[in-house]
Amino acid sequence: MAISIDARGRAFDNIFTERLWRTVKYEEVYIKDYPDGSDACKNPAHYFNTYNTWRPHQALGNYTPKEVYEGREKFS
């Protein structure tokens, strides 16, 4: 069984995914009172849309992930 995809830095393999889900939980899930399971599924989807298209990210030079993906900003 392979523990890590690249077999190095095992402790850091999931750090970006874990950090993203921590952000989602603290900025969306924990502060909302969902009336049912349907809303609990829809609202994080809305959050991800906001996260990717509207919210600038410091690590991306204050551009949104969508802007970077579409090539509006070239990193040097």
Protein backbone atom coordinates (compact mmCIF):
# COMPACT_ATOMS: atom_id res chain seq x y z
CA MET A 1 0.00 0.00 0.00
CA ALA A 2 1.36 3.41 -0.94
CA ILE A 3 0.81 6.04 1.72
CA SER A 4 1.81 9.00 -0.37
CA ILE A 5 1.34 9.73 -4.04
CA ASP A 6 4.88 10.97 -4.46
CA ALA A 7 6.38 9.00 -1.53
CA ARG A 8 7.89 12.12 0.03
CA GLY A 9 6.54 14.75 2.36
CA ARG A 10 3.71 12.50 3.50
CA ALA A 11 2.64 14.85 6.25
CA PHE A 12 2.08 17.62 3.71
CA ASP A 13 0.26 15.72 0.95
CA ASN A 14 -3.21 16.84 2.02
CA ILE A 15 -2.38 20.19 3.57
CA PHE A 16 -4.05 22.29 0.85
CA THR A 17 -7.20 20.19 0.84
CA GLU A 18 -7.41 20.24 4.63
CA ARG A 19 -6.90 24.01 4.70
CA LEU A 20 -9.63 24.53 2.09
CA TRP A 21 -12.14 22.39 4.01
CA ARG A 22 -11.26 24.19 7.25
CA THR A 23 -12.08 27.49 5.52
CA VAL A 24 -15.37 26.11 4.19
CA LYS A 25 -16.38 24.80 7.61
CA TYR A 26 -15.58 27.99 9.50
CA GLU A 27 -16.87 30.48 6.91
CA GLU A 28 -19.94 28.58 5.70
CA VAL A 29 -21.01 25.43 7.51
CA TYR A 30 -20.56 26.30 11.19
CA ILE A 31 -22.19 29.74 10.98
CA LYS A 32 -25.33 28.63 9.11
CA ASP A 33 -28.38 26.87 10.47
CA TYR A 34 -29.51 24.64 7.63
CA PRO A 35 -33.20 23.70 7.73
CA ASP A 36 -32.62 20.42 5.88
CA GLY A 37 -30.00 18.29 4.17
CA SER A 38 -30.80 19.76 0.77
CA ASP A 39 -29.72 23.24 1.85
CA ALA A 40 -26.65 21.80 3.53
CA CYS A 41 -25.57 20.52 0.10
CA LYS A 42 -26.50 23.62 -1.94
CA ASN A 43 -24.96 26.33 0.24
CA PRO A 44 -21.37 25.03 0.17
CA ALA A 45 -21.69 24.83 -3.63
CA HIS A 46 -22.66 28.52 -3.62
CA TYR A 47 -19.71 29.20 -1.30
CA PHE A 48 -17.28 27.52 -3.71
CA ASN A 49 -18.62 29.63 -6.56
CA THR A 50 -17.96 32.75 -4.48
CA TYR A 51 -14.57 31.42 -3.36
CA ASN A 52 -13.43 30.83 -6.95
CA THR A 53 -14.97 33.74 -8.83
CA TRP A 54 -15.33 36.67 -6.45
CA ARG A 55 -12.95 36.35 -3.50
CA PRO A 56 -9.35 37.42 -4.21
CA HIS A 57 -6.62 35.23 -2.73
CA GLN A 58 -3.46 36.65 -1.24
CA ALA A 59 -1.40 33.68 -2.44
CA LEU A 60 -2.54 34.42 -6.02
CA GLY A 61 -1.48 38.05 -5.98
CA ASN A 62 -4.98 39.21 -4.95
CA TYR A 63 -6.55 37.66 -8.05
CA THR A 64 -9.37 35.15 -7.94
CA PRO A 65 -8.66 31.52 -8.83
CA LYS A 66 -10.87 31.93 -11.91
CA GLU A 67 -8.81 34.89 -13.14
CA VAL A 68 -5.59 32.95 -12.70
CA TYR A 69 -7.03 29.83 -14.36
CA GLU A 70 -8.24 31.83 -17.35
CA GLY A 71 -4.80 33.38 -17.73
CA ARG A 72 -5.66 36.97 -16.87
CA GLU A 73 -2.65 37.10 -14.61
CA LYS A 74 0.73 35.62 -15.43
CA PHE A 75 2.99 34.87 -12.51
CA SER A 76 6.67 35.64 -12.88
